[in-house]
Amino acid sequence: MSDPVRDAFDRPLASLRLSVTDRCNLRCRYCMPEDEYVWLPRASILTFEELDRLVRVFSRLGVRKVRLTGGEPLLRHDLPALVRLVARIPQIEDLAMTTNGLLLAQQAAALRAAGLQRVTVSLDTLRPERMLAFAKSARHGDVLAGIRAARDAGFEQVKLNSVVIRGFNDDELGELLEFGRTEGAELRFIEYMDVGGATHWSLDQVVSQRDMLATLTRRYGPIAPVAGDGRAPAERFRLPDGTTFGIIASVTAPFCRTCDRSRVTADGTWFLCLYAGQGVDLRAPLRGGVGDEELAALIRATWQGRTDRGAEERLGVVDRGALYRIESLRADPHREMHTRGG
């Protein structure tokens, strides 16, 4: 295999987040605005064949990891069919999915059989009443059932993502870790980010990695860092009893300098950074008769010119607030987290 294409800061094109839909069946406040939603036109959504072709072209340029995202990816009809297509691409070594878990119990076995290797489930709270207030859903039990179904389906790895917000769930860190340990799933705590639909974000709501570690140290004792490969977004740690967990310090200690990931929305817009204001339209060449070599040349040239360090640049913003106001989100749905895929 040839070496991956590298950007202006020598970061490889190695990981692709592929959104299969912008629709979602939750309304989490860090992702979607309270009442105002703008959806992508259905005619613009890429077919499975188009998504498969894109991944094949990206794989020739260095992509080895693909993560299916949304919106909620399990809302896309017959998702195992797409998994089968991508799993057959020889260069793809790691095929994963991030889901809110509501529909996972019904689909976990089929997804595993189709070739999905790993799954990450969003679990921000263990208290149903908090989920109802935060995500406008009373289906907390379905999320837990989905996590257990994923474990029973035999995925190579099951992880749990928890966005930690001061005053909402920062008192549940220990309970979430205990749940993950019981279910055989590693927790990843994520600092609350100022992107997309987080229109009410403020810095005082962010629980930093330092604060999380201090809270967990008071409960469990000394916590040791776990050596990693340097490119994963999460720093991993180990409790005295051997339990491991991760923290993605995307606000206070972003990982831009090693970021090898980009994201394609469900309508084929390619974003080189989660904070990028504009993306690259790949749907037009896909549907306009452009060959794979021309498509690869476009992707290669774009990545080689990449200088994005969005999260690091936000560190220097004085009086930092939400990245977008509601009127900006309504003007362009690609700014939404449920469109961009997180």
C-alpha atoms as a PDB file:
ATOM      1  CA  MET A   1       0.000   0.000   0.000  1.00  0.00           C
ATOM      2  CA  SER A   2       1.225   3.499  -0.801  1.00  0.00           C
ATOM      3  CA  ASP A   3       1.870   6.056   1.912  1.00  0.00           C
ATOM      4  CA  PRO A   4      -1.111   8.267   2.785  1.00  0.00           C
ATOM      5  CA  VAL A   5      -1.440  11.769   1.405  1.00  0.00           C
ATOM      6  CA  ARG A   6      -0.242  14.368   3.923  1.00  0.00           C
ATOM      7  CA  ASP A   7      -1.398  17.900   4.602  1.00  0.00           C
ATOM      8  CA  ALA A   8       0.598  21.114   5.054  1.00  0.00           C
ATOM      9  CA  PHE A   9       1.438  20.092   8.648  1.00  0.00           C
ATOM     10  CA  ASP A  10       2.422  16.534   7.654  1.00  0.00           C
ATOM     11  CA  ARG A  11      -0.808  15.036   9.014  1.00  0.00           C
ATOM     12  CA  PRO A  12      -1.900  11.945   7.054  1.00  0.00           C
ATOM     13  CA  LEU A  13      -5.299  11.376   5.472  1.00  0.00           C
ATOM     14  CA  ALA A  14      -6.055   8.255   7.490  1.00  0.00           C
ATOM     15  CA  SER A  15      -9.495   8.407   9.110  1.00  0.00           C
ATOM     16  CA  LEU A  16     -12.871   9.214   7.535  1.00  0.00           C
ATOM     17  CA  ARG A  17     -16.138   9.936   9.318  1.00  0.00           C
ATOM     18  CA  LEU A  18     -18.960   9.164   6.915  1.00  0.00           C
ATOM     19  CA  SER A  19     -22.395  10.578   7.739  1.00  0.00           C
ATOM     20  CA  VAL A  20     -25.207   8.512   6.223  1.00  0.00           C
ATOM     21  CA  THR A  21     -28.095  10.790   7.284  1.00  0.00           C
ATOM     22  CA  ASP A  22     -28.665  14.149   8.950  1.00  0.00           C
ATOM     23  CA  ARG A  23     -31.889  12.930  10.592  1.00  0.00           C
ATOM     24  CA  CYS A  24     -31.949  12.071  14.278  1.00  0.00           C
ATOM     25  CA  ASN A  25     -34.511  10.721  16.747  1.00  0.00           C
ATOM     26  CA  LEU A  26     -33.074  12.647  19.722  1.00  0.00           C
ATOM     27  CA  ARG A  27     -32.769  16.364  20.372  1.00  0.00           C
ATOM     28  CA  CYS A  28     -29.647  16.583  22.548  1.00  0.00           C
ATOM     29  CA  ARG A  29     -28.935  20.188  23.391  1.00  0.00           C
ATOM     30  CA  TYR A  30     -25.222  20.024  22.516  1.00  0.00           C
ATOM     31  CA  CYS A  31     -26.093  18.939  18.982  1.00  0.00           C
ATOM     32  CA  MET A  32     -29.426  20.359  17.803  1.00  0.00           C
ATOM     33  CA  PRO A  33     -31.049  23.744  18.487  1.00  0.00           C
ATOM     34  CA  GLU A  34     -34.134  23.825  20.646  1.00  0.00           C
ATOM     35  CA  ASP A  35     -36.793  24.132  17.943  1.00  0.00           C
ATOM     36  CA  GLU A  36     -35.220  25.212  14.662  1.00  0.00           C
ATOM     37  CA  TYR A  37     -34.065  22.496  12.245  1.00  0.00           C
ATOM     38  CA  VAL A  38     -32.970  22.659   8.633  1.00  0.00           C
ATOM     39  CA  TRP A  39     -32.693  19.302   6.858  1.00  0.00           C
ATOM     40  CA  LEU A  40     -30.713  18.392   3.781  1.00  0.00           C
ATOM     41  CA  PRO A  41     -32.911  17.836   0.693  1.00  0.00           C
ATOM     42  CA  ARG A  42     -33.550  14.124   0.309  1.00  0.00           C
ATOM     43  CA  ALA A  43     -32.530  14.203  -3.354  1.00  0.00           C
ATOM     44  CA  SER A  44     -29.061  15.347  -2.300  1.00  0.00           C
ATOM     45  CA  ILE A  45     -28.393  12.354  -0.026  1.00  0.00           C
ATOM     46  CA  LEU A  46     -25.759  10.038  -1.455  1.00  0.00           C
ATOM     47  CA  THR A  47     -26.766   6.490  -2.340  1.00  0.00           C
ATOM     48  CA  PHE A  48     -24.943   3.529  -0.838  1.00  0.00           C
ATOM     49  CA  GLU A  49     -23.195   3.004  -4.165  1.00  0.00           C
ATOM     50  CA  GLU A  50     -21.973   6.618  -4.160  1.00  0.00           C
ATOM     51  CA  LEU A  51     -20.790   6.345  -0.565  1.00  0.00           C
ATOM     52  CA  ASP A  52     -18.983   3.100  -1.376  1.00  0.00           C
ATOM     53  CA  ARG A  53     -17.270   4.712  -4.351  1.00  0.00           C
ATOM     54  CA  LEU A  54     -16.146   7.656  -2.233  1.00  0.00           C
ATOM     55  CA  VAL A  55     -14.663   5.384   0.424  1.00  0.00           C
ATOM     56  CA  ARG A  56     -12.816   3.400  -2.252  1.00  0.00           C
ATOM     57  CA  VAL A  57     -11.250   6.584  -3.618  1.00  0.00           C
ATOM     58  CA  PHE A  58     -10.342   7.813  -0.128  1.00  0.00           C
ATOM     59  CA  SER A  59      -8.826   4.417   0.688  1.00  0.00           C
ATOM     60  CA  ARG A  60      -6.445   4.740  -2.273  1.00  0.00           C
ATOM     61  CA  LEU A  61      -5.162   7.977  -0.731  1.00  0.00           C
ATOM     62  CA  GLY A  62      -4.486   6.572   2.729  1.00  0.00           C
ATOM     63  CA  VAL A  63      -7.765   6.198   4.614  1.00  0.00           C
ATOM     64  CA  ARG A  64      -7.713   3.018   6.700  1.00  0.00           C
ATOM     65  CA  LYS A  65     -10.399   3.816   9.270  1.00  0.00           C
ATOM     66  CA  VAL A  66     -14.051   4.574   8.511  1.00  0.00           C
ATOM     67  CA  ARG A  67     -16.676   5.544  11.084  1.00  0.00           C
ATOM     68  CA  LEU A  68     -20.350   5.691  10.123  1.00  0.00           C
ATOM     69  CA  THR A  69     -22.167   8.600  11.753  1.00  0.00           C
ATOM     70  CA  GLY A  70     -25.261  10.766  11.416  1.00  0.00           C
ATOM     71  CA  GLY A  71     -27.536  12.284  12.550  1.00  0.00           C
ATOM     72  CA  GLU A  72     -28.468   8.852  13.788  1.00  0.00           C
ATOM     73  CA  PRO A  73     -27.038   6.315  11.314  1.00  0.00           C
ATOM     74  CA  LEU A  74     -29.507   3.586  12.258  1.00  0.00           C
ATOM     75  CA  LEU A  75     -32.309   5.700  10.784  1.00  0.00           C
ATOM     76  CA  ARG A  76     -30.829   5.037   7.328  1.00  0.00           C
ATOM     77  CA  HIS A  77     -32.772   2.167   5.771  1.00  0.00           C
ATOM     78  CA  ASP A  78     -30.872  -1.129   5.421  1.00  0.00           C
ATOM     79  CA  LEU A  79     -27.604   0.159   6.858  1.00  0.00           C
ATOM     80  CA  PRO A  80     -26.085  -3.363   6.929  1.00  0.00           C
ATOM     81  CA  ALA A  81     -26.051  -3.230   3.117  1.00  0.00           C
ATOM     82  CA  LEU A  82     -23.666  -0.257   3.231  1.00  0.00           C
ATOM     83  CA  VAL A  83     -21.580  -1.962   5.906  1.00  0.00           C
ATOM     84  CA  ARG A  84     -21.158  -4.979   3.630  1.00  0.00           C
ATOM     85  CA  LEU A  85     -19.950  -2.757   0.785  1.00  0.00           C
ATOM     86  CA  VAL A  86     -17.396  -0.871   2.873  1.00  0.00           C
ATOM     87  CA  ALA A  87     -16.220  -4.002   4.703  1.00  0.00           C
ATOM     88  CA  ARG A  88     -15.172  -5.493   1.356  1.00  0.00           C
ATOM     89  CA  ILE A  89     -12.744  -2.667   0.574  1.00  0.00           C
ATOM     90  CA  PRO A  90      -9.303  -4.254   1.110  1.00  0.00           C
ATOM     91  CA  GLN A  91      -7.583  -1.138   2.463  1.00  0.00           C
ATOM     92  CA  ILE A  92     -10.161  -0.475   5.200  1.00  0.00           C
ATOM     93  CA  GLU A  93      -8.772  -1.968   8.393  1.00  0.00           C
ATOM     94  CA  ASP A  94     -11.244  -0.539  10.879  1.00  0.00           C
ATOM     95  CA  LEU A  95     -14.988  -0.053  10.329  1.00  0.00           C
ATOM     96  CA  ALA A  96     -16.917   1.473  13.226  1.00  0.00           C
ATOM     97  CA  MET A  97     -20.149   3.320  13.959  1.00  0.00           C
ATOM     98  CA  THR A  98     -21.333   5.941  16.445  1.00  0.00           C
ATOM     99  CA  THR A  99     -25.005   5.720  17.446  1.00  0.00           C
ATOM    100  CA  ASN A 100     -27.388   6.987  20.102  1.00  0.00           C
ATOM    101  CA  GLY A 101     -28.406   3.375  20.671  1.00  0.00           C
ATOM    102  CA  LEU A 102     -32.177   3.755  20.403  1.00  0.00           C
ATOM    103  CA  LEU A 103     -32.444   1.308  17.479  1.00  0.00           C
ATOM    104  CA  LEU A 104     -29.322  -0.723  18.171  1.00  0.00           C
ATOM    105  CA  ALA A 105     -30.987  -3.664  19.912  1.00  0.00           C
ATOM    106  CA  GLN A 106     -32.876  -4.525  16.718  1.00  0.00           C
ATOM    107  CA  GLN A 107     -29.898  -4.080  14.385  1.00  0.00           C
ATOM    108  CA  ALA A 108     -26.741  -5.038  16.292  1.00  0.00           C
ATOM    109  CA  ALA A 109     -26.584  -8.664  15.150  1.00  0.00           C
ATOM    110  CA  ALA A 110     -27.170  -7.801  11.485  1.00  0.00           C
ATOM    111  CA  LEU A 111     -24.539  -5.056  11.556  1.00  0.00           C
ATOM    112  CA  ARG A 112     -21.968  -7.362  13.118  1.00  0.00           C
ATOM    113  CA  ALA A 113     -22.719 -10.077  10.566  1.00  0.00           C
ATOM    114  CA  ALA A 114     -22.315  -7.522   7.768  1.00  0.00           C
ATOM    115  CA  GLY A 115     -18.790  -6.674   8.913  1.00  0.00           C
ATOM    116  CA  LEU A 116     -19.070  -3.772  11.361  1.00  0.00           C
ATOM    117  CA  GLN A 117     -16.185  -4.188  13.795  1.00  0.00           C
ATOM    118  CA  ARG A 118     -16.715  -1.624  16.548  1.00  0.00           C
ATOM    119  CA  VAL A 119     -19.559   0.456  17.908  1.00  0.00           C
ATOM    120  CA  THR A 120     -19.692   3.548  20.097  1.00  0.00           C
ATOM    121  CA  VAL A 121     -22.924   4.445  21.891  1.00  0.00           C
ATOM    122  CA  SER A 122     -23.686   7.920  23.230  1.00  0.00           C
ATOM    123  CA  LEU A 123     -24.682   7.702  26.904  1.00  0.00           C
ATOM    124  CA  ASP A 124     -24.679  11.036  28.693  1.00  0.00           C
ATOM    125  CA  THR A 125     -26.656  10.028  31.765  1.00  0.00           C
ATOM    126  CA  LEU A 126     -27.903   6.986  33.657  1.00  0.00           C
ATOM    127  CA  ARG A 127     -30.981   8.851  34.855  1.00  0.00           C
ATOM    128  CA  PRO A 128     -34.042   8.608  32.590  1.00  0.00           C
ATOM    129  CA  GLU A 129     -35.467  11.906  33.819  1.00  0.00           C
ATOM    130  CA  ARG A 130     -32.282  13.686  32.780  1.00  0.00           C
ATOM    131  CA  MET A 131     -32.392  12.150  29.322  1.00  0.00           C
ATOM    132  CA  LEU A 132     -35.980  13.321  28.964  1.00  0.00           C
ATOM    133  CA  ALA A 133     -35.032  16.880  29.931  1.00  0.00           C
ATOM    134  CA  PHE A 134     -31.810  16.942  27.901  1.00  0.00           C
ATOM    135  CA  ALA A 135     -32.645  14.933  24.769  1.00  0.00           C
ATOM    136  CA  LYS A 136     -36.453  15.048  24.747  1.00  0.00           C
ATOM    137  CA  SER A 137     -36.752  11.263  24.850  1.00  0.00           C
ATOM    138  CA  ALA A 138     -38.180   8.859  27.408  1.00  0.00           C
ATOM    139  CA  ARG A 139     -36.474   5.862  25.755  1.00  0.00           C
ATOM    140  CA  HIS A 140     -33.524   5.538  28.119  1.00  0.00           C
ATOM    141  CA  GLY A 141     -34.196   1.832  28.479  1.00  0.00           C
ATOM    142  CA  ASP A 142     -33.802   1.345  24.732  1.00  0.00           C
ATOM    143  CA  VAL A 143     -30.311   2.851  24.872  1.00  0.00           C
ATOM    144  CA  LEU A 144     -29.287   0.446  27.631  1.00  0.00           C
ATOM    145  CA  ALA A 145     -30.802  -2.462  25.701  1.00  0.00           C
ATOM    146  CA  GLY A 146     -28.825  -1.390  22.637  1.00  0.00           C
ATOM    147  CA  ILE A 147     -25.561  -1.374  24.585  1.00  0.00           C
ATOM    148  CA  ARG A 148     -26.219  -4.888  25.853  1.00  0.00           C
ATOM    149  CA  ALA A 149     -27.225  -6.087  22.389  1.00  0.00           C
ATOM    150  CA  ALA A 150     -23.949  -4.732  21.003  1.00  0.00           C
ATOM    151  CA  ARG A 151     -22.019  -6.624  23.641  1.00  0.00           C
ATOM    152  CA  ASP A 152     -23.946  -9.821  22.917  1.00  0.00           C
ATOM    153  CA  ALA A 153     -23.468  -9.427  19.146  1.00  0.00           C
ATOM    154  CA  GLY A 154     -19.725  -9.880  19.594  1.00  0.00           C
ATOM    155  CA  PHE A 155     -18.326  -6.583  18.329  1.00  0.00           C
ATOM    156  CA  GLU A 156     -14.567  -6.303  18.710  1.00  0.00           C
ATOM    157  CA  GLN A 157     -15.079  -3.259  20.899  1.00  0.00           C
ATOM    158  CA  VAL A 158     -17.979  -1.363  22.464  1.00  0.00           C
ATOM    159  CA  LYS A 159     -17.364   2.154  23.756  1.00  0.00           C
ATOM    160  CA  LEU A 160     -19.592   4.687  25.477  1.00  0.00           C
ATOM    161  CA  ASN A 161     -19.348   8.439  24.809  1.00  0.00           C
ATOM    162  CA  SER A 162     -20.446  10.861  27.519  1.00  0.00           C
ATOM    163  CA  VAL A 163     -20.425  14.611  26.906  1.00  0.00           C
ATOM    164  CA  VAL A 164     -19.844  16.126  30.345  1.00  0.00           C
ATOM    165  CA  ILE A 165     -21.683  19.379  31.084  1.00  0.00           C
ATOM    166  CA  ARG A 166     -21.432  21.234  34.373  1.00  0.00           C
ATOM    167  CA  GLY A 167     -24.728  21.228  36.199  1.00  0.00           C
ATOM    168  CA  PHE A 168     -26.186  18.447  34.065  1.00  0.00           C
ATOM    169  CA  ASN A 169     -24.231  15.206  34.447  1.00  0.00           C
ATOM    170  CA  ASP A 170     -20.881  16.087  36.031  1.00  0.00           C
ATOM    171  CA  ASP A 171     -22.039  14.314  39.192  1.00  0.00           C
ATOM    172  CA  GLU A 172     -22.350  10.994  37.311  1.00  0.00           C
ATOM    173  CA  LEU A 173     -18.752  10.331  36.255  1.00  0.00           C
ATOM    174  CA  GLY A 174     -18.241   7.502  38.717  1.00  0.00           C
ATOM    175  CA  GLU A 175     -21.627   5.941  38.041  1.00  0.00           C
ATOM    176  CA  LEU A 176     -21.020   5.996  34.288  1.00  0.00           C
ATOM    177  CA  LEU A 177     -17.627   4.352  34.763  1.00  0.00           C
ATOM    178  CA  GLU A 178     -19.176   1.670  36.955  1.00  0.00           C
ATOM    179  CA  PHE A 179     -21.859   1.012  34.360  1.00  0.00           C
ATOM    180  CA  GLY A 180     -19.294   0.721  31.599  1.00  0.00           C
ATOM    181  CA  ARG A 181     -17.213  -1.694  33.638  1.00  0.00           C
ATOM    182  CA  THR A 182     -20.266  -3.852  34.335  1.00  0.00           C
ATOM    183  CA  GLU A 183     -21.224  -3.920  30.658  1.00  0.00           C
ATOM    184  CA  GLY A 184     -17.684  -4.443  29.350  1.00  0.00           C
ATOM    185  CA  ALA A 185     -17.636  -1.077  27.566  1.00  0.00           C
ATOM    186  CA  GLU A 186     -14.955   1.596  27.923  1.00  0.00           C
ATOM    187  CA  LEU A 187     -16.120   5.125  28.767  1.00  0.00           C
ATOM    188  CA  ARG A 188     -14.894   8.176  26.906  1.00  0.00           C
ATOM    189  CA  PHE A 189     -15.723  11.457  28.605  1.00  0.00           C
ATOM    190  CA  ILE A 190     -15.895  14.416  26.209  1.00  0.00           C
ATOM    191  CA  GLU A 191     -15.536  18.084  27.062  1.00  0.00           C
ATOM    192  CA  TYR A 192     -18.605  20.061  25.996  1.00  0.00           C
ATOM    193  CA  MET A 193     -17.735  21.697  22.653  1.00  0.00           C
ATOM    194  CA  ASP A 194     -18.830  25.018  21.170  1.00  0.00           C
ATOM    195  CA  VAL A 195     -19.776  23.699  17.724  1.00  0.00           C
ATOM    196  CA  GLY A 196     -22.893  23.217  15.633  1.00  0.00           C
ATOM    197  CA  GLY A 197     -26.181  23.397  17.460  1.00  0.00           C
ATOM    198  CA  ALA A 198     -24.649  24.160  20.863  1.00  0.00           C
ATOM    199  CA  THR A 199     -26.065  27.673  20.603  1.00  0.00           C
ATOM    200  CA  HIS A 200     -26.262  28.108  24.390  1.00  0.00           C
ATOM    201  CA  TRP A 201     -22.665  26.976  25.003  1.00  0.00           C
ATOM    202  CA  SER A 202     -20.556  28.884  27.504  1.00  0.00           C
ATOM    203  CA  LEU A 203     -17.109  28.180  28.889  1.00  0.00           C
ATOM    204  CA  ASP A 204     -18.377  27.897  32.459  1.00  0.00           C
ATOM    205  CA  GLN A 205     -20.376  24.809  31.422  1.00  0.00           C
ATOM    206  CA  VAL A 206     -17.202  22.996  30.351  1.00  0.00           C
ATOM    207  CA  VAL A 207     -15.837  20.412  32.773  1.00  0.00           C
ATOM    208  CA  SER A 208     -12.154  20.211  31.885  1.00  0.00           C
ATOM    209  CA  GLN A 209     -10.068  17.074  31.731  1.00  0.00           C
ATOM    210  CA  ARG A 210      -8.236  18.287  34.832  1.00  0.00           C
ATOM    211  CA  ASP A 211     -11.505  18.639  36.747  1.00  0.00           C
ATOM    212  CA  MET A 212     -12.735  15.226  35.603  1.00  0.00           C
ATOM    213  CA  LEU A 213      -9.514  13.561  36.735  1.00  0.00           C
ATOM    214  CA  ALA A 214      -9.666  15.359  40.079  1.00  0.00           C
ATOM    215  CA  THR A 215     -13.235  14.145  40.652  1.00  0.00           C
ATOM    216  CA  LEU A 216     -12.373  10.561  39.759  1.00  0.00           C
ATOM    217  CA  THR A 217      -9.163  10.620  41.819  1.00  0.00           C
ATOM    218  CA  ARG A 218     -11.136  11.615  44.914  1.00  0.00           C
ATOM    219  CA  ARG A 219     -13.356   8.594  44.377  1.00  0.00           C
ATOM    220  CA  TYR A 220     -10.907   5.942  43.192  1.00  0.00           C
ATOM    221  CA  GLY A 221      -7.406   7.020  44.196  1.00  0.00           C
ATOM    222  CA  PRO A 222      -4.377   7.569  41.940  1.00  0.00           C
ATOM    223  CA  ILE A 223      -5.096   7.458  38.206  1.00  0.00           C
ATOM    224  CA  ALA A 224      -2.335   6.537  35.751  1.00  0.00           C
ATOM    225  CA  PRO A 225      -2.053   7.580  32.096  1.00  0.00           C
ATOM    226  CA  VAL A 226      -2.080   4.831  29.468  1.00  0.00           C
ATOM    227  CA  ALA A 227       0.358   5.134  26.575  1.00  0.00           C
ATOM    228  CA  GLY A 228      -1.344   5.569  23.187  1.00  0.00           C
ATOM    229  CA  ASP A 229      -0.455   5.990  19.537  1.00  0.00           C
ATOM    230  CA  GLY A 230      -0.668   9.789  19.695  1.00  0.00           C
ATOM    231  CA  ARG A 231      -3.313  10.108  16.979  1.00  0.00           C
ATOM    232  CA  ALA A 232      -6.420   9.028  18.873  1.00  0.00           C
ATOM    233  CA  PRO A 233      -8.560  11.951  20.079  1.00  0.00           C
ATOM    234  CA  ALA A 234      -8.881  10.497  23.574  1.00  0.00           C
ATOM    235  CA  GLU A 235      -6.180  10.332  26.225  1.00  0.00           C
ATOM    236  CA  ARG A 236      -6.611   7.067  28.113  1.00  0.00           C
ATOM    237  CA  PHE A 237      -6.234   6.485  31.831  1.00  0.00           C
ATOM    238  CA  ARG A 238      -6.277   3.543  34.235  1.00  0.00           C
ATOM    239  CA  LEU A 239      -7.905   3.315  37.668  1.00  0.00           C
ATOM    240  CA  PRO A 240      -6.125   1.456  40.488  1.00  0.00           C
ATOM    241  CA  ASP A 241      -8.299  -1.623  39.814  1.00  0.00           C
ATOM    242  CA  GLY A 242      -7.264  -1.707  36.139  1.00  0.00           C
ATOM    243  CA  THR A 243     -10.397  -0.144  34.648  1.00  0.00           C
ATOM    244  CA  THR A 244      -9.514   2.054  31.684  1.00  0.00           C
ATOM    245  CA  PHE A 245     -11.323   5.092  30.327  1.00  0.00           C
ATOM    246  CA  GLY A 246     -10.637   7.980  27.980  1.00  0.00           C
ATOM    247  CA  ILE A 247     -11.076  11.742  27.996  1.00  0.00           C
ATOM    248  CA  ILE A 248     -11.381  13.850  24.860  1.00  0.00           C
ATOM    249  CA  ALA A 249     -10.192  17.292  25.963  1.00  0.00           C
ATOM    250  CA  SER A 250     -11.331  18.953  22.763  1.00  0.00           C
ATOM    251  CA  VAL A 251     -11.839  22.365  24.394  1.00  0.00           C
ATOM    252  CA  THR A 252      -8.959  22.737  26.858  1.00  0.00           C
ATOM    253  CA  ALA A 253      -6.294  20.561  25.161  1.00  0.00           C
ATOM    254  CA  PRO A 254      -7.268  19.937  21.512  1.00  0.00           C
ATOM    255  CA  PHE A 255      -5.448  17.356  19.400  1.00  0.00           C
ATOM    256  CA  CYS A 256      -5.225  19.367  16.155  1.00  0.00           C
ATOM    257  CA  ARG A 257      -1.503  18.770  15.672  1.00  0.00           C
ATOM    258  CA  THR A 258      -2.066  15.033  15.154  1.00  0.00           C
ATOM    259  CA  CYS A 259      -5.565  15.122  13.630  1.00  0.00           C
ATOM    260  CA  ASP A 260      -5.769  12.727  10.681  1.00  0.00           C
ATOM    261  CA  ARG A 261      -9.551  12.721  10.319  1.00  0.00           C
ATOM    262  CA  SER A 262     -12.045  14.419   8.067  1.00  0.00           C
ATOM    263  CA  ARG A 263     -15.780  14.035   7.559  1.00  0.00           C
ATOM    264  CA  VAL A 264     -18.145  13.643   4.632  1.00  0.00           C
ATOM    265  CA  THR A 265     -21.773  14.664   5.143  1.00  0.00           C
ATOM    266  CA  ALA A 266     -24.676  12.608   3.838  1.00  0.00           C
ATOM    267  CA  ASP A 267     -24.938  14.893   0.801  1.00  0.00           C
ATOM    268  CA  GLY A 268     -21.264  14.531  -0.078  1.00  0.00           C
ATOM    269  CA  THR A 269     -19.781  17.704   1.403  1.00  0.00           C
ATOM    270  CA  TRP A 270     -16.255  17.074   2.665  1.00  0.00           C
ATOM    271  CA  PHE A 271     -15.088  18.962   5.760  1.00  0.00           C
ATOM    272  CA  LEU A 272     -11.411  18.965   6.706  1.00  0.00           C
ATOM    273  CA  CYS A 273     -12.102  20.135  10.269  1.00  0.00           C
ATOM    274  CA  LEU A 274     -15.052  20.065  12.646  1.00  0.00           C
ATOM    275  CA  TYR A 275     -14.748  23.853  12.943  1.00  0.00           C
ATOM    276  CA  ALA A 276     -14.385  24.517   9.199  1.00  0.00           C
ATOM    277  CA  GLY A 277     -16.742  27.164   7.857  1.00  0.00           C
ATOM    278  CA  GLN A 278     -16.902  25.679   4.364  1.00  0.00           C
ATOM    279  CA  GLY A 279     -16.668  22.212   2.878  1.00  0.00           C
ATOM    280  CA  VAL A 280     -15.765  20.759  -0.504  1.00  0.00           C
ATOM    281  CA  ASP A 281     -18.591  19.523  -2.720  1.00  0.00           C
ATOM    282  CA  LEU A 282     -17.848  15.933  -3.756  1.00  0.00           C
ATOM    283  CA  ARG A 283     -21.410  15.149  -4.834  1.00  0.00           C
ATOM    284  CA  ALA A 284     -21.226  17.309  -7.963  1.00  0.00           C
ATOM    285  CA  PRO A 285     -18.225  15.475  -9.441  1.00  0.00           C
ATOM    286  CA  LEU A 286     -19.628  12.133  -8.280  1.00  0.00           C
ATOM    287  CA  ARG A 287     -22.866  12.718 -10.172  1.00  0.00           C
ATOM    288  CA  GLY A 288     -21.289  14.684 -12.988  1.00  0.00           C
ATOM    289  CA  GLY A 289     -19.441  11.811 -14.597  1.00  0.00           C
ATOM    290  CA  VAL A 290     -15.973  12.474 -13.171  1.00  0.00           C
ATOM    291  CA  GLY A 291     -13.734   9.397 -13.065  1.00  0.00           C
ATOM    292  CA  ASP A 292     -12.018   8.008  -9.981  1.00  0.00           C
ATOM    293  CA  GLU A 293      -8.630   9.448 -10.978  1.00  0.00           C
ATOM    294  CA  GLU A 294     -10.036  12.970 -11.246  1.00  0.00           C
ATOM    295  CA  LEU A 295     -11.909  12.562  -7.970  1.00  0.00           C
ATOM    296  CA  ALA A 296      -8.747  11.306  -6.275  1.00  0.00           C
ATOM    297  CA  ALA A 297      -6.790  14.250  -7.669  1.00  0.00           C
ATOM    298  CA  LEU A 298      -9.315  16.697  -6.195  1.00  0.00           C
ATOM    299  CA  ILE A 299      -9.173  15.014  -2.785  1.00  0.00           C
ATOM    300  CA  ARG A 300      -5.371  14.780  -2.855  1.00  0.00           C
ATOM    301  CA  ALA A 301      -4.851  18.427  -3.766  1.00  0.00           C
ATOM    302  CA  THR A 302      -7.363  19.604  -1.176  1.00  0.00           C
ATOM    303  CA  TRP A 303      -5.799  17.583   1.636  1.00  0.00           C
ATOM    304  CA  GLN A 304      -2.269  18.633   0.706  1.00  0.00           C
ATOM    305  CA  GLY A 305      -3.345  22.245   1.167  1.00  0.00           C
ATOM    306  CA  ARG A 306      -5.019  21.622   4.521  1.00  0.00           C
ATOM    307  CA  THR A 307      -3.920  23.936   7.331  1.00  0.00           C
ATOM    308  CA  ASP A 308      -6.966  23.592   9.617  1.00  0.00           C
ATOM    309  CA  ARG A 309      -6.402  23.771  13.381  1.00  0.00           C
ATOM    310  CA  GLY A 310      -9.887  24.870  14.371  1.00  0.00           C
ATOM    311  CA  ALA A 311      -9.977  23.802  18.009  1.00  0.00           C
ATOM    312  CA  GLU A 312      -6.501  25.185  18.723  1.00  0.00           C
ATOM    313  CA  GLU A 313      -7.443  28.512  17.151  1.00  0.00           C
ATOM    314  CA  ARG A 314     -10.540  28.693  19.362  1.00  0.00           C
ATOM    315  CA  LEU A 315      -8.261  28.594  22.419  1.00  0.00           C
ATOM    316  CA  GLY A 316      -7.185  32.146  21.640  1.00  0.00           C
ATOM    317  CA  VAL A 317     -10.685  33.585  21.296  1.00  0.00           C
ATOM    318  CA  VAL A 318     -11.392  36.280  23.883  1.00  0.00           C
ATOM    319  CA  ASP A 319     -14.837  36.056  25.538  1.00  0.00           C
ATOM    320  CA  ARG A 320     -15.393  32.738  23.802  1.00  0.00           C
ATOM    321  CA  GLY A 321     -18.999  31.758  23.191  1.00  0.00           C
ATOM    322  CA  ALA A 322     -20.971  29.454  20.923  1.00  0.00           C
ATOM    323  CA  LEU A 323     -19.507  29.132  17.427  1.00  0.00           C
ATOM    324  CA  TYR A 324     -22.848  29.811  15.708  1.00  0.00           C
ATOM    325  CA  ARG A 325     -26.066  31.607  16.472  1.00  0.00           C
ATOM    326  CA  ILE A 326     -29.386  30.101  15.435  1.00  0.00           C
ATOM    327  CA  GLU A 327     -29.743  32.330  12.361  1.00  0.00           C
ATOM    328  CA  SER A 328     -26.386  31.082  11.037  1.00  0.00           C
ATOM    329  CA  LEU A 329     -27.482  27.473  11.434  1.00  0.00           C
ATOM    330  CA  ARG A 330     -30.731  28.118   9.604  1.00  0.00           C
ATOM    331  CA  ALA A 331     -28.788  29.712   6.735  1.00  0.00           C
ATOM    332  CA  ASP A 332     -26.632  26.618   6.167  1.00  0.00           C
ATOM    333  CA  PRO A 333     -27.528  23.156   7.519  1.00  0.00           C
ATOM    334  CA  HIS A 334     -23.925  22.002   7.028  1.00  0.00           C
ATOM    335  CA  ARG A 335     -23.007  23.965  10.163  1.00  0.00           C
ATOM    336  CA  GLU A 336     -25.180  21.662  12.270  1.00  0.00           C
ATOM    337  CA  MET A 337     -23.570  18.832  14.226  1.00  0.00           C
ATOM    338  CA  HIS A 338     -26.368  16.468  13.188  1.00  0.00           C
ATOM    339  CA  THR A 339     -25.355  17.151   9.576  1.00  0.00           C
ATOM    340  CA  ARG A 340     -21.592  17.277   9.973  1.00  0.00           C
ATOM    341  CA  GLY A 341     -21.370  14.099  11.990  1.00  0.00           C
ATOM    342  CA  GLY A 342     -19.327  15.109  15.029  1.00  0.00           C
END
